[in-house]
C-alpha atoms as a PDB file:
ATOM      1  CA  MET A   1     -22.068  -6.119  -1.577  1.00  0.00           C
ATOM      2  CA  GLY A   2     -19.136  -8.126  -0.246  1.00  0.00           C
ATOM      3  CA  SER A   3     -16.141  -7.970   2.017  1.00  0.00           C
ATOM      4  CA  LEU A   4     -12.474  -7.046   1.864  1.00  0.00           C
ATOM      5  CA  VAL A   5      -9.684  -8.617   3.911  1.00  0.00           C
ATOM      6  CA  LEU A   6      -6.079  -7.387   3.873  1.00  0.00           C
ATOM      7  CA  GLU A   7      -3.492  -9.563   5.607  1.00  0.00           C
ATOM      8  CA  ASN A   8       0.027  -8.288   6.312  1.00  0.00           C
ATOM      9  CA  ILE A   9       0.146  -6.053   3.209  1.00  0.00           C
ATOM     10  CA  ARG A  10       3.631  -4.725   2.549  1.00  0.00           C
ATOM     11  CA  LYS A  11       4.786  -2.582  -0.347  1.00  0.00           C
ATOM     12  CA  SER A  12       8.311  -1.370  -0.993  1.00  0.00           C
ATOM     13  CA  PHE A  13       9.757   0.846  -3.668  1.00  0.00           C
ATOM     14  CA  GLY A  14      13.419  -0.102  -3.702  1.00  0.00           C
ATOM     15  CA  THR A  15      14.642   0.173  -0.119  1.00  0.00           C
ATOM     16  CA  VAL A  16      11.731   2.387   0.995  1.00  0.00           C
ATOM     17  CA  GLU A  17       8.955   0.420   2.715  1.00  0.00           C
ATOM     18  CA  VAL A  18       5.717   2.351   2.099  1.00  0.00           C
ATOM     19  CA  LEU A  19       3.113  -0.072   3.475  1.00  0.00           C
ATOM     20  CA  LYS A  20       4.259  -1.861   6.614  1.00  0.00           C
ATOM     21  CA  GLY A  21       2.193  -4.927   7.442  1.00  0.00           C
ATOM     22  CA  ILE A  22      -1.362  -3.609   7.073  1.00  0.00           C
ATOM     23  CA  ASP A  23      -4.202  -5.812   8.345  1.00  0.00           C
ATOM     24  CA  LEU A  24      -7.792  -4.748   7.684  1.00  0.00           C
ATOM     25  CA  GLU A  25     -11.218  -6.351   7.453  1.00  0.00           C
ATOM     26  CA  VAL A  26     -14.132  -4.485   5.900  1.00  0.00           C
ATOM     27  CA  LYS A  27     -17.392  -6.378   6.249  1.00  0.00           C
ATOM     28  CA  ASP A  28     -20.506  -6.181   4.113  1.00  0.00           C
ATOM     29  CA  ASP A  29     -22.233  -2.762   4.346  1.00  0.00           C
ATOM     30  CA  GLU A  30     -19.300  -1.104   6.155  1.00  0.00           C
ATOM     31  CA  PHE A  31     -17.812   2.152   4.871  1.00  0.00           C
ATOM     32  CA  VAL A  32     -14.102   2.956   5.220  1.00  0.00           C
ATOM     33  CA  ILE A  33     -12.143   6.158   4.633  1.00  0.00           C
ATOM     34  CA  PHE A  34      -8.349   6.391   4.547  1.00  0.00           C
ATOM     35  CA  VAL A  35      -6.997   9.696   5.852  1.00  0.00           C
ATOM     36  CA  GLY A  36      -3.480  10.862   6.566  1.00  0.00           C
ATOM     37  CA  PRO A  37      -0.765  13.256   5.525  1.00  0.00           C
ATOM     38  CA  SER A  38       0.676  13.445   2.046  1.00  0.00           C
ATOM     39  CA  GLY A  39       3.030  10.567   1.327  1.00  0.00           C
ATOM     40  CA  CYS A  40       1.753   8.176   4.014  1.00  0.00           C
ATOM     41  CA  GLY A  41       0.631   5.462   1.536  1.00  0.00           C
ATOM     42  CA  LYS A  42      -3.121   6.064   1.107  1.00  0.00           C
ATOM     43  CA  SER A  43      -3.053   6.013  -2.695  1.00  0.00           C
ATOM     44  CA  THR A  44      -0.605   3.109  -2.772  1.00  0.00           C
ATOM     45  CA  LEU A  45      -2.916   1.082  -0.514  1.00  0.00           C
ATOM     46  CA  LEU A  46      -5.916   1.833  -2.735  1.00  0.00           C
ATOM     47  CA  ARG A  47      -3.909   0.875  -5.834  1.00  0.00           C
ATOM     48  CA  VAL A  48      -2.982  -2.461  -4.197  1.00  0.00           C
ATOM     49  CA  ILE A  49      -6.627  -3.105  -3.253  1.00  0.00           C
ATOM     50  CA  ALA A  50      -7.754  -2.284  -6.820  1.00  0.00           C
ATOM     51  CA  GLY A  51      -5.104  -4.578  -8.313  1.00  0.00           C
ATOM     52  CA  LEU A  52      -3.323  -1.746 -10.119  1.00  0.00           C
ATOM     53  CA  GLU A  53      -0.179  -2.259  -8.031  1.00  0.00           C
ATOM     54  CA  ASP A  54       1.261  -5.534  -6.718  1.00  0.00           C
ATOM     55  CA  ALA A  55       1.958  -5.784  -3.007  1.00  0.00           C
ATOM     56  CA  THR A  56       5.499  -6.814  -2.114  1.00  0.00           C
ATOM     57  CA  SER A  57       3.940  -9.379   0.256  1.00  0.00           C
ATOM     58  CA  GLY A  58       0.623 -10.164   1.932  1.00  0.00           C
ATOM     59  CA  THR A  59      -2.810 -11.054   0.636  1.00  0.00           C
ATOM     60  CA  VAL A  60      -5.841  -9.107  -0.566  1.00  0.00           C
ATOM     61  CA  SER A  61      -9.133 -11.032  -0.499  1.00  0.00           C
ATOM     62  CA  LEU A  62     -12.309  -9.673  -2.050  1.00  0.00           C
ATOM     63  CA  SER A  63     -15.625 -11.470  -1.914  1.00  0.00           C
ATOM     64  CA  ALA A  64     -18.742 -10.169  -3.584  1.00  0.00           C
ATOM     65  CA  THR A  65     -22.390 -11.078  -3.708  1.00  0.00           C
ATOM     66  CA  CYS A  66     -24.776  -9.985  -6.424  1.00  0.00           C
ATOM     67  CA  ARG A  67     -27.843  -8.063  -5.441  1.00  0.00           C
ATOM     68  CA  ARG A  68     -30.754  -6.834  -7.473  1.00  0.00           C
ATOM     69  CA  PRO A  69     -29.773  -3.487  -9.036  1.00  0.00           C
ATOM     70  CA  SER A  70     -31.270  -0.481  -7.307  1.00  0.00           C
ATOM     71  CA  ALA A  71     -33.243   2.214  -9.087  1.00  0.00           C
ATOM     72  CA  VAL A  72     -30.259   4.538  -8.715  1.00  0.00           C
ATOM     73  CA  SER A  73     -27.823   2.165 -10.432  1.00  0.00           C
ATOM     74  CA  ARG A  74     -30.318   1.562 -13.246  1.00  0.00           C
ATOM     75  CA  TRP A  75     -30.703   5.314 -13.731  1.00  0.00           C
ATOM     76  CA  PHE A  76     -26.942   5.887 -13.923  1.00  0.00           C
ATOM     77  CA  SER A  77     -26.435   2.986 -16.335  1.00  0.00           C
ATOM     78  CA  ARG A  78     -28.763   4.511 -18.934  1.00  0.00           C
ATOM     79  CA  PRO A  79     -27.131   5.940 -22.063  1.00  0.00           C
ATOM     80  CA  MET A  80     -26.572   9.674 -21.834  1.00  0.00           C
ATOM     81  CA  ARG A  81     -28.426  11.864 -24.311  1.00  0.00           C
ATOM     82  CA  SER A  82     -26.664  14.777 -25.891  1.00  0.00           C
ATOM     83  CA  THR A  83     -28.059  18.193 -25.022  1.00  0.00           C
ATOM     84  CA  ARG A  84     -26.327  19.797 -28.011  1.00  0.00           C
ATOM     85  CA  THR A  85     -28.432  20.882 -30.955  1.00  0.00           C
END
């Protein structure tokens, strides 16, 4: 799979600092869930990780390794057949 490292991630919208120095390391085969109240920055953090939003400062490091596709991923990558007649 790979790993994810966030170092001192900060994100501001104008004068409002939404993400305040987040550090996180997610190692290969770990599973992470972000929970919290509405408006706490969960979606903003995910957007920064995905590269859809630029962090004001800090670094996001992703490393990936290729593995042989599983039977499940091969099944889901097949073209869908229409059931309409």
